[in-house]
């Protein structure tokens, strides 16, 4: 191989060396491109040098709100030169939080700039060097324009709810006193007529008097149920660990005492516990178990079960199951509506308020309730808290 050929091959293999003159130029181009990209994002951005407390970068969105002709104008200026004294103090405080705790700091704030008042969702992010030292802070401000309107709407909504609660309390008082009073009078006089005039009444008159008594008592029961529904909606809640199994057992024992001749197979899973208000959860189980007891009354051997569904070792939903009258699944959505009954009063007496009460209590606990059933094959009511 000749010396000339060897020289040519060597020249081809030898890579071009990057000189010190090239590197600053590449870095400068990179920084310029980065600043261009940051200027286009729809947030307000600025970077503060920790040692000098000067702005080393700001984007176009912020420059526009500051009334600056170009975002480069703010570069190198002190914080106090660009922002109001009040917001300058706020920025310094934010920086102290980041430097003290060495982590990202987040807050919502109201800030007055040259173009008006802004409501910012602000994040202050530390920028560190290779040694892990914080040398700059990136402020990212997201302008949440609707936050003030939202806060105002929430305030108005709270006032409306307070007014509605006061009206509801007034209504409850009227129901419990003004409506119950004439019912008591009707029922009282009908009982007097029954006890004093029954021998002189014919069959038709006695039938009408019995209907008056029965319906006045039914109306009184409906009013009591409405008041109970109102109370569970408004009552103050306290959250503690509640032994649902023990509550269910107490309710069943009471039902068995009242109906000693009933043959009912009871299954209550032990130590089922939940976090919630003990009084309200007792009302839930009381309604569900009384319903199960009532709708299995026509069974020669009734079955009632209280247990919980589990998945991966976690409780997912409690349930009360029975083998009673059941219902048509197509009408399941009506079960939890007040006064909507899927069985006649003659077949199974009731007010139609029980499951509506259950639903409201479960909703107050942040849970949900649903039902599955089949005509003449029983019902299962599920609820989770």
Protein backbone atom coordinates (compact mmCIF):
# COMPACT_ATOMS: atom_id res chain seq x y z
CA UNK A 1 0.00 0.00 0.00
CA UNK A 2 1.41 3.37 -0.96
CA UNK A 3 1.88 6.19 1.49
CA UNK A 4 -0.70 8.28 -0.39
CA UNK A 5 -3.40 5.55 -0.18
CA UNK A 6 -2.76 5.01 3.52
CA UNK A 7 -3.03 8.73 4.12
CA UNK A 8 -6.42 8.85 2.34
CA UNK A 9 -7.87 5.93 4.35
CA UNK A 10 -6.67 7.40 7.61
CA UNK A 11 -8.29 10.71 6.71
CA UNK A 12 -11.65 8.99 6.09
CA UNK A 13 -11.67 7.14 9.43
CA UNK A 14 -10.65 10.08 11.57
CA UNK A 15 -13.74 11.73 13.11
CA UNK A 16 -14.05 15.47 13.29
CA UNK A 17 -13.15 16.81 16.75
CA UNK A 18 -15.61 19.18 18.42
CA UNK A 19 -13.71 22.31 19.35
CA UNK A 20 -14.32 24.52 22.36
CA UNK A 21 -15.57 27.16 19.99
CA UNK A 22 -18.39 24.88 18.75
CA UNK A 23 -19.75 23.85 22.21
CA UNK A 24 -20.91 27.27 23.47
CA UNK A 25 -22.60 27.83 20.14
CA UNK A 26 -24.54 24.53 20.42
CA UNK A 27 -25.48 25.27 24.05
CA UNK A 28 -26.67 28.74 23.16
CA UNK A 29 -28.82 27.34 20.35
CA UNK A 30 -30.29 24.73 22.67
CA UNK A 31 -31.16 27.34 25.31
CA UNK A 32 -32.66 29.59 22.68
CA UNK A 33 -34.88 26.78 21.36
CA UNK A 34 -35.91 25.81 24.88
CA UNK A 35 -36.87 29.37 25.71
CA UNK A 36 -38.86 29.59 22.49
CA UNK A 37 -40.80 26.44 23.38
CA UNK A 38 -41.46 27.60 26.95
CA UNK A 39 -42.72 30.91 25.65
CA UNK A 40 -45.45 29.10 23.73
CA UNK A 41 -46.96 27.07 26.59
CA UNK A 42 -50.36 28.30 27.86
CA UNK A 43 -49.08 28.88 31.40
CA UNK A 44 -47.39 31.79 33.09
CA UNK A 45 -43.74 30.81 33.62
CA UNK A 46 -40.76 32.50 35.17
CA UNK A 47 -37.46 31.32 36.65
CA UNK A 48 -35.83 33.05 39.61
CA UNK A 49 -32.12 32.87 40.39
CA UNK A 50 -31.92 31.92 44.07
CA UNK A 51 -28.66 33.77 44.84
CA UNK A 52 -29.57 37.10 43.21
CA UNK A 53 -33.36 36.93 43.37
CA UNK A 54 -33.51 38.07 39.78
CA UNK A 55 -35.59 36.70 36.93
CA UNK A 56 -33.52 34.63 34.55
CA UNK A 57 -36.44 33.71 32.30
CA UNK A 58 -40.11 34.56 31.73
CA UNK A 59 -42.44 33.51 28.95
CA UNK A 60 -44.62 35.59 26.65
CA UNK A 61 -47.86 34.97 28.54
CA UNK A 62 -46.45 36.45 31.74
CA UNK A 63 -44.76 39.33 29.90
CA UNK A 64 -48.07 40.27 28.33
CA UNK A 65 -49.85 40.36 31.71
CA UNK A 66 -46.96 42.41 33.15
CA UNK A 67 -47.34 44.95 30.34
CA UNK A 68 -43.89 44.25 28.89
CA UNK A 69 -43.25 44.60 25.16
CA UNK A 70 -41.13 41.42 25.09
CA UNK A 71 -40.52 38.55 27.46
CA UNK A 72 -36.76 39.17 27.30
CA UNK A 73 -37.23 42.55 28.99
CA UNK A 74 -37.75 40.92 32.41
CA UNK A 75 -34.51 38.95 32.15
CA UNK A 76 -31.99 40.03 34.78
CA UNK A 77 -34.46 42.23 36.63
CA UNK A 78 -35.11 41.88 40.35
CA UNK A 79 -38.43 40.36 41.42
CA UNK A 80 -39.52 43.67 42.93
CA UNK A 81 -39.03 45.43 39.60
CA UNK A 82 -41.59 43.20 37.86
CA UNK A 83 -44.16 42.47 40.53
CA UNK A 84 -46.06 44.42 43.18
CA UNK A 85 -44.56 44.63 46.68
CA UNK A 86 -47.28 42.34 48.00
CA UNK A 87 -46.68 39.63 45.39
CA UNK A 88 -42.90 40.03 45.73
CA UNK A 89 -43.21 39.14 49.41
CA UNK A 90 -45.41 36.18 48.44
CA UNK A 91 -42.81 34.92 45.93
CA UNK A 92 -40.02 35.20 48.51
CA UNK A 93 -42.14 33.27 51.03
CA UNK A 94 -42.81 30.55 48.46
CA UNK A 95 -39.09 30.26 47.75
CA UNK A 96 -38.36 29.92 51.46
CA UNK A 97 -40.82 27.02 51.65
CA UNK A 98 -39.10 25.22 48.76
CA UNK A 99 -35.59 25.84 50.09
CA UNK A 100 -36.55 24.78 53.63
CA UNK A 101 -38.33 21.56 52.69
CA UNK A 102 -36.36 20.83 49.52
CA UNK A 103 -39.44 19.83 47.52
CA UNK A 104 -42.08 21.15 45.12
CA UNK A 105 -44.48 23.67 46.65
CA UNK A 106 -48.09 24.03 45.48
CA UNK A 107 -50.79 26.57 46.35
CA UNK A 108 -53.71 28.58 45.01
CA UNK A 109 -53.43 32.33 45.16
CA UNK A 110 -54.99 35.60 44.06
CA UNK A 111 -52.48 37.84 42.29
CA UNK A 112 -52.81 41.37 40.94
CA UNK A 113 -50.80 42.01 37.77
CA UNK A 114 -50.72 44.94 35.38
CA UNK A 115 -53.68 43.59 33.38
CA UNK A 116 -55.89 42.82 36.41
CA UNK A 117 -56.55 40.23 39.10
CA UNK A 118 -55.69 36.59 38.40
CA UNK A 119 -56.52 33.41 40.30
CA UNK A 120 -53.51 31.15 39.96
CA UNK A 121 -52.96 27.49 40.65
CA UNK A 122 -49.23 27.85 41.37
CA UNK A 123 -46.41 25.29 41.47
CA UNK A 124 -42.86 26.23 42.50
CA UNK A 125 -40.30 23.63 41.38
CA UNK A 126 -36.65 23.59 42.52
CA UNK A 127 -33.98 23.37 39.80
CA UNK A 128 -30.80 21.65 41.00
CA UNK A 129 -27.22 21.40 39.75
CA UNK A 130 -25.15 18.23 39.48
CA UNK A 131 -24.32 18.42 43.21
CA UNK A 132 -28.03 18.51 44.14
CA UNK A 133 -27.94 22.15 45.17
CA UNK A 134 -30.94 24.37 44.34
CA UNK A 135 -29.76 27.28 42.19
CA UNK A 136 -33.07 28.36 40.62
CA UNK A 137 -36.82 28.06 41.07
CA UNK A 138 -39.35 27.52 38.29
CA UNK A 139 -42.70 29.19 38.95
CA UNK A 140 -45.60 27.69 36.94
CA UNK A 141 -48.86 29.61 37.23
CA UNK A 142 -52.09 28.20 35.79
CA UNK A 143 -54.72 30.91 35.45
CA UNK A 144 -57.96 29.44 36.80
CA UNK A 145 -60.41 32.06 35.63
CA UNK A 146 -63.54 30.44 37.01
CA UNK A 147 -62.33 29.88 40.57
CA UNK A 148 -63.81 33.14 41.88
CA UNK A 149 -67.15 32.45 40.20
CA UNK A 150 -67.08 28.91 41.56
CA UNK A 151 -66.38 30.10 45.10
CA UNK A 152 -69.19 32.63 44.84
CA UNK A 153 -71.58 29.99 43.51
CA UNK A 154 -70.62 27.60 46.32
CA UNK A 155 -71.22 30.34 48.89
CA UNK A 156 -74.65 31.07 47.42
CA UNK A 157 -75.40 27.36 47.31
CA UNK A 158 -74.50 27.02 51.00
CA UNK A 159 -76.89 29.84 51.86
CA UNK A 160 -79.63 28.19 49.82
CA UNK A 161 -79.04 24.86 51.58
CA UNK A 162 -79.21 26.53 54.99
CA UNK A 163 -82.48 28.19 54.02
CA UNK A 164 -83.83 24.87 52.70
CA UNK A 165 -82.88 23.13 55.95
CA UNK A 166 -84.69 25.77 57.96
CA UNK A 167 -87.79 25.34 55.78
CA UNK A 168 -87.54 21.58 56.21
CA UNK A 169 -87.36 21.92 59.99
CA UNK A 170 -90.40 24.20 59.88
CA UNK A 171 -92.23 21.68 57.70
CA UNK A 172 -91.34 18.85 60.07
CA UNK A 173 -92.73 20.84 62.99
CA UNK A 174 -95.96 21.49 61.06
CA UNK A 175 -96.29 17.84 60.14
CA UNK A 176 -95.68 16.59 63.64
CA UNK A 177 -98.05 19.06 65.30
CA UNK A 178 -100.52 20.65 62.87
CA UNK A 179 -101.27 17.50 60.86
CA UNK A 180 -101.11 14.95 63.65
CA UNK A 181 -103.45 16.94 65.86
CA UNK A 182 -106.62 16.66 63.70
CA UNK A 183 -105.81 13.00 63.07
CA UNK A 184 -105.71 12.35 66.80
CA UNK A 185 -109.08 14.09 67.16
CA UNK A 186 -110.64 12.03 64.35
CA UNK A 187 -109.26 8.81 65.77
CA UNK A 188 -110.30 9.76 69.32
CA UNK A 189 -113.89 10.58 68.45
CA UNK A 190 -114.20 7.48 66.27
CA UNK A 191 -113.08 5.35 69.22
CA UNK A 192 -115.67 7.09 71.45
CA UNK A 193 -118.37 6.39 68.90
CA UNK A 194 -117.24 2.77 68.66
CA UNK A 195 -117.27 2.19 72.41
CA UNK A 196 -120.55 4.04 73.15
CA UNK A 197 -122.69 3.61 70.06
CA UNK A 198 -121.60 0.26 68.60
CA UNK A 199 -124.70 -1.66 69.84
CA UNK A 200 -126.96 0.84 68.09
CA UNK A 201 -125.06 0.81 64.79
CA UNK A 202 -126.01 -1.35 61.85
CA UNK A 203 -123.43 -3.32 59.88
CA UNK A 204 -122.85 -0.55 57.33
CA UNK A 205 -122.23 2.07 60.03
CA UNK A 206 -119.83 -0.19 61.90
CA UNK A 207 -117.97 -0.87 58.61
CA UNK A 208 -117.62 2.87 57.90
CA UNK A 209 -116.42 3.56 61.42
CA UNK A 210 -113.82 0.81 61.17
CA UNK A 211 -112.58 2.30 57.89
CA UNK A 212 -112.31 5.75 59.48
CA UNK A 213 -110.22 4.34 62.32
CA UNK A 214 -108.01 2.24 60.03
CA UNK A 215 -107.31 5.06 57.58
CA UNK A 216 -106.66 7.69 60.24
CA UNK A 217 -104.15 5.29 61.79
CA UNK A 218 -102.62 4.65 58.36
CA UNK A 219 -102.27 8.39 57.78
CA UNK A 220 -100.64 8.78 61.19
CA UNK A 221 -98.15 6.03 60.33
CA UNK A 222 -97.32 7.69 57.00
CA UNK A 223 -96.66 11.00 58.74
CA UNK A 224 -94.41 9.28 61.27
CA UNK A 225 -92.52 7.60 58.40
CA UNK A 226 -92.07 10.94 56.61
CA UNK A 227 -90.73 12.50 59.79
CA UNK A 228 -88.29 9.61 60.16
CA UNK A 229 -87.16 10.13 56.55
CA UNK A 230 -86.64 13.82 57.27
CA UNK A 231 -84.70 13.12 60.46
CA UNK A 232 -82.21 10.72 58.86
CA UNK A 233 -81.51 13.31 56.17
CA UNK A 234 -80.82 16.14 58.62
CA UNK A 235 -79.39 14.43 61.69
CA UNK A 236 -75.76 15.03 62.60
CA UNK A 237 -73.50 12.08 61.80
CA UNK A 238 -70.65 10.63 63.80
CA UNK A 239 -68.34 8.02 62.35
CA UNK A 240 -67.14 5.13 64.52
CA UNK A 241 -66.59 1.41 64.05
CA UNK A 242 -69.97 -0.32 64.21
CA UNK A 243 -70.58 -4.05 64.76
CA UNK A 244 -73.34 -4.70 62.22
CA UNK A 245 -73.61 -8.38 63.15
CA UNK A 246 -74.53 -7.52 66.73
CA UNK A 247 -77.12 -4.98 65.61
CA UNK A 248 -78.66 -7.51 63.22
CA UNK A 249 -78.76 -10.17 65.94
CA UNK A 250 -80.57 -7.79 68.34
CA UNK A 251 -83.18 -6.93 65.68
CA UNK A 252 -83.81 -10.59 64.84
CA UNK A 253 -84.20 -11.50 68.53
CA UNK A 254 -86.79 -8.75 68.90
CA UNK A 255 -88.71 -10.01 65.86
CA UNK A 256 -88.62 -13.58 67.16
CA UNK A 257 -89.99 -12.41 70.52
CA UNK A 258 -92.87 -10.65 68.77
CA UNK A 259 -93.59 -13.65 66.53
CA UNK A 260 -92.65 -16.79 68.49
CA UNK A 261 -94.63 -19.09 66.20
CA UNK A 262 -92.71 -18.18 63.05
CA UNK A 263 -90.32 -20.80 61.66
CA UNK A 264 -87.41 -18.76 60.30
CA UNK A 265 -83.91 -19.99 59.51
CA UNK A 266 -81.53 -17.15 60.38
CA UNK A 267 -77.92 -16.81 59.22
CA UNK A 268 -75.92 -13.83 60.46
CA UNK A 269 -72.21 -13.74 59.65
CA UNK A 270 -70.19 -12.95 62.78
CA UNK A 271 -68.18 -9.77 63.37
CA UNK A 272 -69.26 -7.80 60.32
CA UNK A 273 -68.04 -4.29 61.00
CA UNK A 274 -68.26 -0.97 59.20
CA UNK A 275 -67.33 2.65 59.77
CA UNK A 276 -70.36 4.89 60.17
CA UNK A 277 -73.02 6.39 62.39
CA UNK A 278 -74.33 3.66 64.74
CA UNK A 279 -77.88 5.03 65.02
CA UNK A 280 -78.31 5.50 61.27
CA UNK A 281 -76.84 2.10 60.44
CA UNK A 282 -79.22 0.54 62.97
CA UNK A 283 -82.11 2.13 61.04
CA UNK A 284 -80.73 0.61 57.81
CA UNK A 285 -80.61 -2.91 59.22
CA UNK A 286 -83.90 -2.46 61.05
CA UNK A 287 -85.68 -1.61 57.79
CA UNK A 288 -83.99 -4.35 55.76
CA UNK A 289 -84.52 -7.12 58.31
CA UNK A 290 -88.11 -6.09 59.05
CA UNK A 291 -88.80 -6.17 55.31
CA UNK A 292 -87.24 -9.63 55.03
CA UNK A 293 -89.31 -10.79 58.00
CA UNK A 294 -92.51 -9.35 56.52
CA UNK A 295 -92.08 -10.61 52.97
CA UNK A 296 -91.27 -14.16 54.13
CA UNK A 297 -94.36 -14.31 56.35
CA UNK A 298 -96.19 -16.56 53.85
CA UNK A 299 -93.37 -19.14 53.77
CA UNK A 300 -93.71 -22.29 55.86
CA UNK A 301 -89.93 -22.18 56.35
CA UNK A 302 -88.53 -18.70 55.88
CA UNK A 303 -84.85 -18.00 55.35
CA UNK A 304 -83.11 -14.71 56.15
CA UNK A 305 -79.39 -14.12 55.75
CA UNK A 306 -77.09 -11.19 56.57
CA UNK A 307 -73.56 -11.45 55.19
CA UNK A 308 -70.93 -9.65 53.12
CA UNK A 309 -69.43 -10.07 49.65
CA UNK A 310 -65.64 -10.14 49.48
CA UNK A 311 -63.05 -9.73 46.74
CA UNK A 312 -59.32 -10.25 47.28
CA UNK A 313 -59.91 -10.35 51.01
CA UNK A 314 -61.69 -6.96 51.02
CA UNK A 315 -65.33 -6.39 51.96
CA UNK A 316 -67.18 -5.06 48.91
CA UNK A 317 -70.87 -5.05 49.89
CA UNK A 318 -73.12 -6.16 52.75
CA UNK A 319 -76.40 -7.83 51.90
CA UNK A 320 -79.69 -9.01 53.41
CA UNK A 321 -81.20 -11.97 51.53
CA UNK A 322 -84.55 -13.71 51.96
CA UNK A 323 -86.66 -16.37 50.23
CA UNK A 324 -89.85 -14.33 50.39
CA UNK A 325 -92.25 -12.82 47.87
CA UNK A 326 -89.51 -11.24 45.77
CA UNK A 327 -90.24 -8.70 43.02
CA UNK A 328 -90.02 -8.14 39.28
CA UNK A 329 -86.46 -6.99 38.51
CA UNK A 330 -87.81 -4.65 35.81
CA UNK A 331 -89.22 -2.47 38.61
CA UNK A 332 -86.10 -2.49 40.82
CA UNK A 333 -85.59 1.27 40.39
CA UNK A 334 -88.95 1.95 42.07
CA UNK A 335 -88.04 0.10 45.27
CA UNK A 336 -86.11 3.03 46.73
CA UNK A 337 -88.65 5.73 45.82
CA UNK A 338 -90.89 6.94 48.65
CA UNK A 339 -94.45 5.54 48.52
CA UNK A 340 -93.65 3.27 45.57
CA UNK A 341 -94.75 -0.22 46.61
CA UNK A 342 -94.59 -3.35 44.45
CA UNK A 343 -97.03 -5.29 46.65
CA UNK A 344 -100.54 -4.32 47.71
CA UNK A 345 -101.37 -3.07 51.19
CA UNK A 346 -103.69 -6.01 51.71
CA UNK A 347 -100.96 -8.50 50.84
CA UNK A 348 -98.12 -6.89 52.81
CA UNK A 349 -98.92 -3.80 54.93
CA UNK A 350 -96.43 -0.94 54.96
CA UNK A 351 -95.80 2.75 54.30
CA UNK A 352 -93.44 2.54 51.31
CA UNK A 353 -90.85 4.66 53.13
CA UNK A 354 -88.45 2.03 54.50
CA UNK A 355 -86.17 1.49 51.50
CA UNK A 356 -86.19 5.21 50.66
CA UNK A 357 -84.88 5.79 54.20
CA UNK A 358 -82.22 3.09 53.69
CA UNK A 359 -81.06 4.73 50.47
CA UNK A 360 -80.71 8.17 52.03
CA UNK A 361 -78.70 6.85 54.96
CA UNK A 362 -76.39 4.86 52.68
CA UNK A 363 -75.90 7.91 50.43
CA UNK A 364 -75.00 10.00 53.49
CA UNK A 365 -72.25 7.48 54.19
CA UNK A 366 -70.92 7.90 50.66
CA UNK A 367 -72.10 4.45 49.60
CA UNK A 368 -74.71 2.92 47.32
CA UNK A 369 -77.58 0.46 47.62
CA UNK A 370 -79.22 -1.80 45.05
CA UNK A 371 -81.56 -4.76 44.87
CA UNK A 372 -81.89 -8.03 43.02
CA UNK A 373 -84.90 -10.29 43.10
CA UNK A 374 -87.31 -12.57 41.32
CA UNK A 375 -91.03 -12.92 41.79
CA UNK A 376 -91.83 -15.51 44.47
CA UNK A 377 -88.16 -16.44 44.80
CA UNK A 378 -86.87 -13.88 47.25
CA UNK A 379 -84.96 -10.60 47.38
CA UNK A 380 -81.39 -9.54 48.09
CA UNK A 381 -80.63 -5.95 49.08
CA UNK A 382 -76.96 -4.97 48.77
CA UNK A 383 -75.34 -1.90 50.27
CA UNK A 384 -71.79 -0.63 50.60
CA UNK A 385 -70.51 2.23 52.76
